[in-house]
């Protein structure tokens, strides 16, 4: 399937989402991969991960880039050689890319009940407004995880902890946006966040104010 969704966040920022329905062969055939990328994809044990990796390269093409334009820093954070900021995600049958003039982060997660089991590992302040008996509890947890994962990708700093350093302001699912903070080493950073749902998945992304 071609591009699933495109979101113009603002004049400098765009999100594109791909629904992965193609086979590995269909995805890899039109791509011109760098030797490092080819080695990386061939080394993946899961075809699902291979297809996720390749679908991200198709999203790059939708933006007008190729695999040659993408690289990674020492912390594994992706960057584009023209100076634009990029963040990448893939989960099961969806992948997403956000590109902006500012630092950004994006995450896609499948909505699953088992997130409640690990909630205490990434939720602290947010328990003040979450209702564990509410019908939307799993969906809200998935939004919070997606926002915090996006913040972690944006900051790309080893040692940061979801539970201790990231904070998501109260929100309603129908709002589709909220504010998030990073409180790290006596400094505070505020971010605009947005989220959307599709086919039992949640996508969240963050950009600085």
N, C-alpha and C. Protein backbone atom coordinates (compact mmCIF):
# COMPACT_ATOMS: atom_id res chain seq x y z
N UNK A 1 0.84 -1.19 0.00
CA UNK A 1 0.00 0.00 0.00
C UNK A 1 0.88 1.24 0.00
N UNK A 2 0.48 2.26 -0.73
CA UNK A 2 1.27 3.49 -0.69
C UNK A 2 1.05 4.23 0.63
N UNK A 3 1.39 5.49 0.65
CA UNK A 3 1.29 6.32 1.85
C UNK A 3 -0.10 6.21 2.49
N UNK A 4 -0.13 5.97 3.82
CA UNK A 4 -1.39 5.79 4.55
C UNK A 4 -1.95 7.13 5.02
N UNK A 5 -1.05 8.01 5.50
CA UNK A 5 -1.51 9.28 6.05
C UNK A 5 -0.38 10.29 6.01
N UNK A 6 -0.73 11.55 5.71
CA UNK A 6 0.24 12.64 5.74
C UNK A 6 -0.36 13.79 6.55
N UNK A 7 0.42 14.30 7.50
CA UNK A 7 -0.06 15.36 8.39
C UNK A 7 0.88 16.55 8.30
N UNK A 8 0.34 17.69 7.93
CA UNK A 8 1.11 18.93 7.94
C UNK A 8 0.96 19.57 9.31
N UNK A 9 1.95 19.38 10.17
CA UNK A 9 1.89 19.87 11.54
C UNK A 9 1.97 21.39 11.57
N UNK A 10 2.92 21.93 10.84
CA UNK A 10 3.07 23.38 10.63
C UNK A 10 3.90 23.56 9.37
N UNK A 11 4.27 24.80 9.08
CA UNK A 11 4.96 25.06 7.81
C UNK A 11 6.34 24.42 7.74
N UNK A 12 6.90 24.04 8.92
CA UNK A 12 8.24 23.44 8.93
C UNK A 12 8.24 21.94 9.25
N UNK A 13 7.06 21.38 9.57
CA UNK A 13 7.02 20.03 10.12
C UNK A 13 5.95 19.18 9.45
N UNK A 14 6.34 17.97 9.03
CA UNK A 14 5.39 17.05 8.39
C UNK A 14 5.57 15.64 8.93
N UNK A 15 4.44 14.96 9.13
CA UNK A 15 4.42 13.55 9.54
C UNK A 15 3.86 12.73 8.39
N UNK A 16 4.51 11.59 8.10
CA UNK A 16 3.98 10.66 7.11
C UNK A 16 3.97 9.25 7.70
N UNK A 17 2.86 8.54 7.44
CA UNK A 17 2.66 7.20 8.00
C UNK A 17 2.42 6.21 6.86
N UNK A 18 3.03 5.04 6.97
CA UNK A 18 2.94 3.99 5.96
C UNK A 18 2.28 2.76 6.57
N UNK A 19 1.32 2.17 5.89
CA UNK A 19 0.76 0.90 6.30
C UNK A 19 1.49 -0.21 5.54
N UNK A 20 2.14 -1.10 6.28
CA UNK A 20 3.04 -2.08 5.67
C UNK A 20 2.25 -3.31 5.24
N UNK A 21 1.90 -3.36 3.99
CA UNK A 21 1.18 -4.51 3.45
C UNK A 21 2.00 -5.27 2.40
N UNK A 22 3.08 -4.66 1.95
CA UNK A 22 3.91 -5.28 0.91
C UNK A 22 4.80 -6.37 1.50
N UNK A 23 5.23 -7.26 0.65
CA UNK A 23 6.20 -8.27 1.05
C UNK A 23 7.59 -7.64 1.12
N UNK A 24 8.51 -8.38 1.73
CA UNK A 24 9.91 -7.92 1.78
C UNK A 24 10.43 -7.65 0.37
N UNK A 25 10.16 -8.55 -0.55
CA UNK A 25 10.66 -8.41 -1.92
C UNK A 25 10.10 -7.16 -2.60
N UNK A 26 8.82 -6.93 -2.41
CA UNK A 26 8.19 -5.75 -3.02
C UNK A 26 8.76 -4.46 -2.46
N UNK A 27 9.09 -4.48 -1.18
CA UNK A 27 9.62 -3.28 -0.55
C UNK A 27 11.07 -3.00 -0.94
N UNK A 28 11.87 -4.05 -1.01
CA UNK A 28 13.30 -3.84 -1.24
C UNK A 28 13.63 -3.56 -2.70
N UNK A 29 12.80 -4.07 -3.63
CA UNK A 29 13.13 -4.01 -5.06
C UNK A 29 13.41 -2.58 -5.57
N UNK A 30 12.58 -1.57 -5.25
CA UNK A 30 12.83 -0.25 -5.83
C UNK A 30 13.83 0.62 -5.06
N UNK A 31 14.37 0.11 -3.96
CA UNK A 31 15.22 0.92 -3.11
C UNK A 31 16.70 0.81 -3.48
N UNK A 32 17.41 1.92 -3.31
CA UNK A 32 18.86 1.95 -3.47
C UNK A 32 19.47 2.11 -2.09
N UNK A 33 19.78 0.99 -1.45
CA UNK A 33 20.25 1.02 -0.07
C UNK A 33 21.77 1.13 -0.01
N UNK A 34 22.26 1.88 0.99
CA UNK A 34 23.68 1.93 1.26
C UNK A 34 24.14 0.54 1.73
N UNK A 35 25.41 0.20 1.52
CA UNK A 35 25.91 -1.11 1.97
C UNK A 35 25.62 -1.37 3.45
N UNK A 36 25.78 -0.32 4.30
CA UNK A 36 25.52 -0.49 5.73
C UNK A 36 24.06 -0.83 5.99
N UNK A 37 23.16 -0.18 5.23
CA UNK A 37 21.73 -0.43 5.42
C UNK A 37 21.35 -1.83 4.96
N UNK A 38 21.92 -2.24 3.85
CA UNK A 38 21.64 -3.58 3.33
C UNK A 38 22.13 -4.64 4.32
N UNK A 39 23.32 -4.42 4.85
CA UNK A 39 23.87 -5.35 5.84
C UNK A 39 22.98 -5.41 7.08
N UNK A 40 22.50 -4.24 7.48
CA UNK A 40 21.65 -4.17 8.68
C UNK A 40 20.33 -4.91 8.47
N UNK A 41 19.70 -4.68 7.32
CA UNK A 41 18.39 -5.31 7.07
C UNK A 41 18.53 -6.82 6.89
N UNK A 42 19.61 -7.25 6.26
CA UNK A 42 19.82 -8.68 6.06
C UNK A 42 20.14 -9.39 7.38
N UNK A 43 20.64 -8.62 8.35
CA UNK A 43 20.98 -9.19 9.65
C UNK A 43 19.80 -9.30 10.61
N UNK A 44 18.66 -8.74 10.21
CA UNK A 44 17.48 -8.79 11.07
C UNK A 44 16.84 -10.17 11.01
N UNK A 45 16.54 -10.73 12.17
CA UNK A 45 15.98 -12.08 12.23
C UNK A 45 14.50 -12.11 11.89
N UNK A 46 13.81 -11.00 12.13
CA UNK A 46 12.37 -10.93 11.91
C UNK A 46 12.05 -10.24 10.60
N UNK A 47 11.24 -10.89 9.76
CA UNK A 47 10.84 -10.25 8.51
C UNK A 47 9.97 -9.02 8.79
N UNK A 48 9.25 -9.04 9.90
CA UNK A 48 8.44 -7.88 10.27
C UNK A 48 9.33 -6.66 10.50
N UNK A 49 10.47 -6.86 11.16
CA UNK A 49 11.41 -5.77 11.37
C UNK A 49 12.05 -5.33 10.05
N UNK A 50 12.36 -6.30 9.20
CA UNK A 50 12.92 -5.97 7.88
C UNK A 50 11.96 -5.09 7.09
N UNK A 51 10.70 -5.48 7.09
CA UNK A 51 9.69 -4.72 6.34
C UNK A 51 9.47 -3.34 6.95
N UNK A 52 9.56 -3.26 8.29
CA UNK A 52 9.46 -1.95 8.93
C UNK A 52 10.60 -1.04 8.53
N UNK A 53 11.80 -1.58 8.55
CA UNK A 53 13.00 -0.83 8.16
C UNK A 53 12.87 -0.33 6.72
N UNK A 54 12.44 -1.20 5.83
CA UNK A 54 12.33 -0.84 4.42
C UNK A 54 11.21 0.16 4.17
N UNK A 55 10.11 0.01 4.89
CA UNK A 55 8.99 0.95 4.69
C UNK A 55 9.39 2.37 5.09
N UNK A 56 10.27 2.49 6.09
CA UNK A 56 10.78 3.81 6.46
C UNK A 56 11.54 4.44 5.29
N UNK A 57 12.26 3.61 4.55
CA UNK A 57 12.99 4.13 3.37
C UNK A 57 12.01 4.58 2.28
N UNK A 58 10.86 3.93 2.20
CA UNK A 58 9.83 4.39 1.26
C UNK A 58 9.24 5.72 1.73
N UNK A 59 9.09 5.89 3.03
CA UNK A 59 8.63 7.18 3.55
C UNK A 59 9.63 8.28 3.25
N UNK A 60 10.92 7.96 3.36
CA UNK A 60 11.95 8.94 3.00
C UNK A 60 11.75 9.41 1.55
N UNK A 61 11.44 8.47 0.67
CA UNK A 61 11.21 8.80 -0.74
C UNK A 61 10.02 9.72 -0.90
N UNK A 62 9.01 9.53 -0.05
CA UNK A 62 7.84 10.41 -0.09
C UNK A 62 8.21 11.86 0.26
N UNK A 63 9.25 12.00 1.08
CA UNK A 63 9.76 13.32 1.45
C UNK A 63 10.76 13.87 0.44
N UNK A 64 11.14 13.04 -0.53
CA UNK A 64 12.14 13.48 -1.50
C UNK A 64 13.57 13.11 -1.14
N UNK A 65 13.74 12.23 -0.14
CA UNK A 65 15.06 11.78 0.28
C UNK A 65 15.29 10.34 -0.16
N UNK A 66 16.54 9.89 0.00
CA UNK A 66 16.87 8.48 -0.22
C UNK A 66 17.60 7.97 1.01
N UNK A 67 17.89 6.69 1.03
CA UNK A 67 18.64 6.09 2.13
C UNK A 67 20.02 6.73 2.26
N UNK A 68 20.54 7.25 1.17
CA UNK A 68 21.87 7.89 1.20
C UNK A 68 21.87 9.18 2.03
N UNK A 69 20.69 9.78 2.19
CA UNK A 69 20.59 11.06 2.91
C UNK A 69 20.48 10.88 4.42
N UNK A 70 20.31 9.65 4.86
CA UNK A 70 20.05 9.37 6.28
C UNK A 70 21.27 8.76 6.94
N UNK A 71 21.57 9.24 8.15
CA UNK A 71 22.66 8.65 8.93
C UNK A 71 22.29 8.66 10.40
N UNK A 72 23.16 8.11 11.24
CA UNK A 72 22.87 8.00 12.67
C UNK A 72 24.08 8.49 13.48
N UNK A 73 23.80 9.19 14.61
CA UNK A 73 24.91 9.65 15.44
C UNK A 73 25.32 8.54 16.42
N UNK A 74 26.22 8.86 17.33
CA UNK A 74 26.78 7.85 18.23
C UNK A 74 25.75 7.29 19.19
N UNK A 75 24.66 8.03 19.43
CA UNK A 75 23.59 7.55 20.31
C UNK A 75 22.49 6.83 19.54
N UNK A 76 22.71 6.64 18.23
CA UNK A 76 21.72 5.97 17.41
C UNK A 76 20.59 6.86 16.93
N UNK A 77 20.74 8.17 17.14
CA UNK A 77 19.70 9.10 16.70
C UNK A 77 19.86 9.38 15.21
N UNK A 78 18.78 9.23 14.42
CA UNK A 78 18.90 9.50 12.98
C UNK A 78 19.00 10.99 12.68
N UNK A 79 19.69 11.31 11.60
CA UNK A 79 19.73 12.71 11.15
C UNK A 79 19.85 12.73 9.62
N UNK A 80 19.42 13.84 9.06
CA UNK A 80 19.51 14.02 7.61
C UNK A 80 20.71 14.91 7.28
N UNK A 81 21.37 14.60 6.21
CA UNK A 81 22.61 15.30 5.87
C UNK A 81 22.40 16.75 5.48
N UNK A 82 21.14 17.13 5.15
CA UNK A 82 20.89 18.53 4.81
C UNK A 82 20.59 19.39 6.03
N UNK A 83 20.65 18.79 7.23
CA UNK A 83 20.45 19.56 8.45
C UNK A 83 19.04 19.51 9.02
N UNK A 84 18.10 18.96 8.27
CA UNK A 84 16.74 18.81 8.78
C UNK A 84 16.72 17.76 9.89
N UNK A 85 15.78 17.91 10.81
CA UNK A 85 15.64 16.95 11.91
C UNK A 85 14.62 15.88 11.53
N UNK A 86 14.91 14.65 11.95
CA UNK A 86 14.05 13.52 11.60
C UNK A 86 13.91 12.58 12.78
N UNK A 87 12.75 11.96 12.90
CA UNK A 87 12.54 10.88 13.85
C UNK A 87 11.76 9.78 13.14
N UNK A 88 12.01 8.54 13.56
CA UNK A 88 11.53 7.35 12.84
C UNK A 88 10.87 6.39 13.82
N UNK A 89 9.83 5.70 13.38
CA UNK A 89 9.20 4.68 14.20
C UNK A 89 8.58 3.60 13.33
N UNK A 90 8.53 2.39 13.83
CA UNK A 90 7.69 1.36 13.18
C UNK A 90 7.24 0.35 14.22
N UNK A 91 6.01 -0.09 14.07
CA UNK A 91 5.39 -1.02 15.01
C UNK A 91 4.45 -1.94 14.25
N UNK A 92 4.79 -3.21 14.20
CA UNK A 92 3.97 -4.21 13.51
C UNK A 92 3.73 -3.79 12.06
N UNK A 93 2.53 -3.34 11.73
CA UNK A 93 2.18 -3.07 10.33
C UNK A 93 2.15 -1.58 9.98
N UNK A 94 2.71 -0.74 10.83
CA UNK A 94 2.76 0.69 10.52
C UNK A 94 4.15 1.25 10.79
N UNK A 95 4.55 2.22 9.98
CA UNK A 95 5.77 2.96 10.23
C UNK A 95 5.48 4.44 10.06
N UNK A 96 6.32 5.26 10.66
CA UNK A 96 6.10 6.70 10.58
C UNK A 96 7.41 7.46 10.58
N UNK A 97 7.39 8.63 9.94
CA UNK A 97 8.55 9.52 9.90
C UNK A 97 8.05 10.94 10.11
N UNK A 98 8.75 11.70 10.94
CA UNK A 98 8.49 13.12 11.09
C UNK A 98 9.76 13.87 10.73
N UNK A 99 9.62 14.92 9.92
CA UNK A 99 10.77 15.74 9.51
C UNK A 99 10.42 17.20 9.78
N UNK A 100 11.40 17.95 10.32
CA UNK A 100 11.13 19.33 10.71
C UNK A 100 12.42 20.15 10.72
N UNK A 101 12.24 21.47 10.76
CA UNK A 101 13.38 22.35 10.98
C UNK A 101 13.83 22.32 12.44
N UNK A 102 12.95 21.84 13.33
CA UNK A 102 13.26 21.75 14.75
C UNK A 102 13.46 20.28 15.14
N UNK A 103 14.02 20.07 16.34
CA UNK A 103 14.16 18.71 16.84
C UNK A 103 12.78 18.12 17.09
N UNK A 104 12.60 16.87 16.73
CA UNK A 104 11.29 16.22 16.82
C UNK A 104 11.44 14.77 17.27
N UNK A 105 10.32 14.19 17.68
CA UNK A 105 10.28 12.78 18.02
C UNK A 105 8.93 12.20 17.65
N UNK A 106 8.90 10.92 17.28
CA UNK A 106 7.65 10.27 16.90
C UNK A 106 7.67 8.82 17.37
N UNK A 107 6.47 8.31 17.68
CA UNK A 107 6.36 6.90 18.08
C UNK A 107 4.99 6.38 17.66
N UNK A 108 4.95 5.14 17.19
CA UNK A 108 3.70 4.44 16.91
C UNK A 108 3.68 3.18 17.77
N UNK A 109 2.56 2.95 18.46
CA UNK A 109 2.42 1.78 19.32
C UNK A 109 1.08 1.09 19.06
N UNK A 110 1.09 -0.21 19.10
CA UNK A 110 -0.15 -0.98 19.05
C UNK A 110 -0.81 -0.92 20.42
N UNK A 111 -2.11 -0.69 20.45
CA UNK A 111 -2.85 -0.62 21.71
C UNK A 111 -3.04 -2.04 22.25
N UNK A 112 -2.40 -2.33 23.40
CA UNK A 112 -2.46 -3.68 23.96
C UNK A 112 -2.66 -3.62 25.48
N UNK A 113 -3.46 -4.51 26.00
CA UNK A 113 -3.77 -4.51 27.43
C UNK A 113 -2.53 -4.68 28.28
N UNK A 114 -1.52 -5.35 27.77
CA UNK A 114 -0.36 -5.65 28.61
C UNK A 114 0.44 -4.40 29.00
N UNK A 115 0.13 -3.26 28.38
CA UNK A 115 0.82 -2.02 28.78
C UNK A 115 0.49 -1.67 30.22
N UNK A 116 -0.69 -2.11 30.71
CA UNK A 116 -1.07 -1.83 32.09
C UNK A 116 -0.14 -2.53 33.08
N UNK A 117 0.42 -3.65 32.67
CA UNK A 117 1.31 -4.43 33.55
C UNK A 117 2.61 -3.67 33.82
N UNK A 118 3.07 -2.91 32.83
CA UNK A 118 4.34 -2.20 32.98
C UNK A 118 4.14 -0.71 33.27
N UNK A 119 2.91 -0.29 33.52
CA UNK A 119 2.61 1.15 33.69
C UNK A 119 3.49 1.80 34.75
N UNK A 120 3.73 1.10 35.87
CA UNK A 120 4.51 1.70 36.95
C UNK A 120 5.96 1.98 36.56
N UNK A 121 6.39 1.37 35.47
CA UNK A 121 7.77 1.60 35.02
C UNK A 121 7.94 2.91 34.27
N UNK A 122 6.83 3.44 33.72
CA UNK A 122 6.98 4.68 32.95
C UNK A 122 6.01 5.79 33.36
N UNK A 123 5.10 5.49 34.30
CA UNK A 123 4.12 6.46 34.76
C UNK A 123 4.40 6.82 36.22
N UNK A 124 4.38 8.11 36.52
CA UNK A 124 4.52 8.57 37.90
C UNK A 124 3.47 9.66 38.15
N UNK A 125 3.79 10.88 37.81
CA UNK A 125 2.86 12.00 37.97
C UNK A 125 1.51 11.71 37.31
N UNK A 126 1.52 11.05 36.17
CA UNK A 126 0.30 10.84 35.39
C UNK A 126 -0.76 10.00 36.11
N UNK A 127 -0.34 9.21 37.12
CA UNK A 127 -1.31 8.44 37.89
C UNK A 127 -2.28 9.36 38.63
N UNK A 128 -1.90 10.63 38.82
CA UNK A 128 -2.79 11.58 39.50
C UNK A 128 -4.07 11.84 38.72
N UNK A 129 -4.02 11.67 37.41
CA UNK A 129 -5.23 11.94 36.63
C UNK A 129 -5.74 10.71 35.86
N UNK A 130 -5.03 9.62 35.90
CA UNK A 130 -5.50 8.41 35.23
C UNK A 130 -6.49 7.64 36.11
N UNK A 131 -7.50 7.08 35.48
CA UNK A 131 -8.47 6.23 36.17
C UNK A 131 -8.30 4.80 35.64
N UNK A 132 -7.74 3.93 36.49
CA UNK A 132 -7.41 2.57 36.01
C UNK A 132 -8.66 1.75 35.68
N UNK A 133 -9.83 2.22 36.12
CA UNK A 133 -11.08 1.50 35.83
C UNK A 133 -11.81 2.05 34.61
N UNK A 134 -11.28 3.14 34.06
CA UNK A 134 -11.95 3.77 32.92
C UNK A 134 -11.76 2.95 31.65
N UNK A 135 -12.72 3.05 30.75
CA UNK A 135 -12.66 2.30 29.49
C UNK A 135 -11.48 2.75 28.63
N UNK A 136 -11.09 4.02 28.79
CA UNK A 136 -10.01 4.55 27.94
C UNK A 136 -8.64 4.45 28.61
N UNK A 137 -8.53 3.69 29.71
CA UNK A 137 -7.26 3.60 30.45
C UNK A 137 -6.12 3.10 29.57
N UNK A 138 -6.34 2.03 28.83
CA UNK A 138 -5.28 1.46 27.98
C UNK A 138 -4.88 2.46 26.89
N UNK A 139 -5.87 3.10 26.30
CA UNK A 139 -5.57 4.08 25.25
C UNK A 139 -4.78 5.26 25.80
N UNK A 140 -5.15 5.72 27.00
CA UNK A 140 -4.41 6.84 27.59
C UNK A 140 -2.98 6.44 27.96
N UNK A 141 -2.83 5.24 28.50
CA UNK A 141 -1.48 4.75 28.79
C UNK A 141 -0.64 4.69 27.52
N UNK A 142 -1.26 4.27 26.42
CA UNK A 142 -0.53 4.15 25.16
C UNK A 142 -0.11 5.53 24.65
N UNK A 143 -0.97 6.53 24.83
CA UNK A 143 -0.61 7.90 24.46
C UNK A 143 0.57 8.38 25.30
N UNK A 144 0.51 8.15 26.60
CA UNK A 144 1.59 8.59 27.49
C UNK A 144 2.91 7.92 27.12
N UNK A 145 2.86 6.60 26.89
CA UNK A 145 4.07 5.91 26.47
C UNK A 145 4.61 6.50 25.16
N UNK A 146 3.71 6.70 24.18
CA UNK A 146 4.13 7.22 22.88
C UNK A 146 4.77 8.59 22.99
N UNK A 147 4.20 9.45 23.84
CA UNK A 147 4.77 10.79 24.04
C UNK A 147 6.14 10.69 24.68
N UNK A 148 6.25 9.86 25.71
CA UNK A 148 7.54 9.75 26.40
C UNK A 148 8.60 9.08 25.53
N UNK A 149 8.20 8.12 24.74
CA UNK A 149 9.13 7.51 23.79
C UNK A 149 9.60 8.54 22.76
N UNK A 150 8.67 9.38 22.32
CA UNK A 150 9.02 10.44 21.36
C UNK A 150 9.99 11.44 21.97
N UNK A 151 9.77 11.80 23.23
CA UNK A 151 10.68 12.71 23.93
C UNK A 151 12.07 12.09 24.07
N UNK A 152 12.10 10.81 24.38
CA UNK A 152 13.39 10.11 24.53
C UNK A 152 14.15 10.10 23.20
N UNK A 153 13.42 9.87 22.11
CA UNK A 153 14.06 9.87 20.79
C UNK A 153 14.59 11.26 20.45
N UNK A 154 13.82 12.28 20.79
CA UNK A 154 14.24 13.65 20.49
C UNK A 154 15.49 14.02 21.27
N UNK A 155 15.50 13.70 22.56
CA UNK A 155 16.61 14.10 23.43
C UNK A 155 17.82 13.20 23.25
N UNK A 156 17.58 11.89 23.04
CA UNK A 156 18.65 10.92 22.77
C UNK A 156 19.81 11.05 23.74
N UNK A 157 19.48 11.03 25.04
CA UNK A 157 20.49 11.16 26.07
C UNK A 157 20.47 9.95 26.99
N UNK A 158 21.51 9.13 26.99
CA UNK A 158 21.55 7.96 27.87
C UNK A 158 21.37 8.38 29.33
N UNK A 159 20.61 7.62 30.08
CA UNK A 159 20.40 7.92 31.49
C UNK A 159 19.06 8.56 31.79
N UNK A 160 18.36 9.03 30.77
CA UNK A 160 17.04 9.61 31.00
C UNK A 160 16.03 8.50 31.25
N UNK A 161 15.13 8.72 32.21
CA UNK A 161 14.14 7.71 32.59
C UNK A 161 12.73 8.24 32.36
N UNK A 162 11.91 7.43 31.71
CA UNK A 162 10.54 7.83 31.40
C UNK A 162 9.79 8.27 32.66
N UNK A 163 9.92 7.51 33.72
CA UNK A 163 9.13 7.73 34.94
C UNK A 163 9.59 8.96 35.70
N UNK A 164 10.89 9.20 35.71
CA UNK A 164 11.45 10.26 36.54
C UNK A 164 11.63 11.59 35.82
N UNK A 165 11.93 11.55 34.54
CA UNK A 165 12.33 12.78 33.86
C UNK A 165 11.31 13.33 32.87
N UNK A 166 10.29 12.55 32.53
CA UNK A 166 9.28 12.98 31.55
C UNK A 166 7.92 13.11 32.22
N UNK A 167 7.18 14.16 31.85
CA UNK A 167 5.89 14.43 32.47
C UNK A 167 4.89 14.84 31.40
N UNK A 168 3.73 14.21 31.39
CA UNK A 168 2.68 14.50 30.41
C UNK A 168 1.50 15.16 31.13
N UNK A 169 1.15 16.36 30.71
CA UNK A 169 0.05 17.12 31.31
C UNK A 169 -1.28 16.42 31.03
N UNK A 170 -2.27 16.52 31.95
CA UNK A 170 -3.57 15.86 31.74
C UNK A 170 -4.19 16.19 30.38
N UNK A 171 -4.86 15.20 29.81
CA UNK A 171 -5.44 15.35 28.47
C UNK A 171 -6.68 14.49 28.34
N UNK A 172 -7.50 14.81 27.37
CA UNK A 172 -8.62 13.97 26.95
C UNK A 172 -8.26 13.40 25.59
N UNK A 173 -8.68 12.18 25.32
CA UNK A 173 -8.35 11.56 24.04
C UNK A 173 -8.87 12.38 22.87
N UNK A 174 -10.05 12.99 23.05
CA UNK A 174 -10.62 13.77 21.95
C UNK A 174 -9.87 15.08 21.70
N UNK A 175 -8.99 15.48 22.64
CA UNK A 175 -8.20 16.70 22.44
C UNK A 175 -7.15 16.53 21.35
N UNK A 176 -6.60 15.32 21.26
CA UNK A 176 -5.56 14.98 20.28
C UNK A 176 -4.26 15.77 20.47
N UNK A 177 -4.13 16.44 21.59
CA UNK A 177 -2.87 17.16 21.86
C UNK A 177 -2.76 17.45 23.36
N UNK A 178 -1.54 17.68 23.81
CA UNK A 178 -1.29 18.09 25.18
C UNK A 178 0.11 18.69 25.27
N UNK A 179 0.55 18.98 26.47
CA UNK A 179 1.89 19.51 26.69
C UNK A 179 2.69 18.47 27.47
N UNK A 180 3.97 18.38 27.20
CA UNK A 180 4.85 17.49 27.94
C UNK A 180 6.10 18.26 28.38
N UNK A 181 6.67 17.79 29.46
CA UNK A 181 7.89 18.42 30.00
C UNK A 181 8.99 17.38 30.17
N UNK A 182 10.21 17.83 30.00
CA UNK A 182 11.38 17.07 30.43
C UNK A 182 12.01 17.84 31.58
N UNK A 183 12.20 17.17 32.70
CA UNK A 183 12.84 17.75 33.88
C UNK A 183 14.10 16.94 34.13
N UNK A 184 15.23 17.47 33.73
CA UNK A 184 16.46 16.68 33.73
C UNK A 184 17.66 17.55 34.11
N UNK A 185 18.36 17.12 35.13
CA UNK A 185 19.57 17.81 35.59
C UNK A 185 19.32 19.30 35.80
N UNK A 186 18.29 19.60 36.60
CA UNK A 186 17.95 20.97 37.00
C UNK A 186 17.56 21.88 35.84
N UNK A 187 17.18 21.29 34.72
CA UNK A 187 16.68 22.08 33.59
C UNK A 187 15.33 21.53 33.16
N UNK A 188 14.44 22.42 32.72
CA UNK A 188 13.11 22.02 32.28
C UNK A 188 12.91 22.42 30.82
N UNK A 189 12.33 21.52 30.05
CA UNK A 189 12.08 21.73 28.63
C UNK A 189 10.60 21.44 28.36
N UNK A 190 9.93 22.33 27.65
CA UNK A 190 8.50 22.19 27.38
C UNK A 190 8.29 21.84 25.90
N UNK A 191 7.37 20.92 25.64
CA UNK A 191 7.13 20.45 24.27
C UNK A 191 5.64 20.41 23.96
N UNK A 192 5.31 20.75 22.73
CA UNK A 192 3.98 20.52 22.21
C UNK A 192 3.89 19.06 21.76
N UNK A 193 2.79 18.41 22.06
CA UNK A 193 2.62 17.03 21.64
C UNK A 193 1.27 16.86 20.94
N UNK A 194 1.19 15.90 20.07
CA UNK A 194 -0.07 15.56 19.41
C UNK A 194 -0.14 14.05 19.28
N UNK A 195 -1.36 13.53 19.18
CA UNK A 195 -1.53 12.08 19.05
C UNK A 195 -2.79 11.77 18.26
N UNK A 196 -2.81 10.62 17.62
CA UNK A 196 -3.95 10.18 16.84
C UNK A 196 -4.05 8.66 16.89
N UNK A 197 -5.23 8.14 16.64
CA UNK A 197 -5.49 6.70 16.64
C UNK A 197 -5.93 6.24 15.27
N UNK A 198 -5.52 5.03 14.90
CA UNK A 198 -5.98 4.41 13.66
C UNK A 198 -5.77 2.90 13.76
N UNK A 199 -6.80 2.15 13.46
CA UNK A 199 -6.73 0.68 13.39
C UNK A 199 -6.07 0.04 14.61
N UNK A 200 -6.47 0.50 15.80
CA UNK A 200 -5.96 -0.01 17.08
C UNK A 200 -4.49 0.31 17.31
N UNK A 201 -3.99 1.34 16.66
CA UNK A 201 -2.65 1.86 16.90
C UNK A 201 -2.76 3.31 17.37
N UNK A 202 -1.73 3.76 18.09
CA UNK A 202 -1.63 5.16 18.51
C UNK A 202 -0.32 5.72 17.99
N UNK A 203 -0.39 6.89 17.40
CA UNK A 203 0.82 7.62 16.98
C UNK A 203 0.90 8.90 17.79
N UNK A 204 2.06 9.17 18.35
CA UNK A 204 2.31 10.41 19.08
C UNK A 204 3.57 11.07 18.54
N UNK A 205 3.58 12.39 18.55
CA UNK A 205 4.80 13.09 18.14
C UNK A 205 4.96 14.36 18.95
N UNK A 206 6.20 14.82 19.08
CA UNK A 206 6.51 15.99 19.91
C UNK A 206 7.43 16.94 19.15
N UNK A 207 7.22 18.23 19.41
CA UNK A 207 8.10 19.28 18.87
C UNK A 207 8.28 20.35 19.93
N UNK A 208 9.43 21.00 19.98
CA UNK A 208 9.62 22.07 20.97
C UNK A 208 8.65 23.23 20.69
N UNK A 209 8.34 23.97 21.75
CA UNK A 209 7.47 25.13 21.55
C UNK A 209 8.21 26.21 20.77
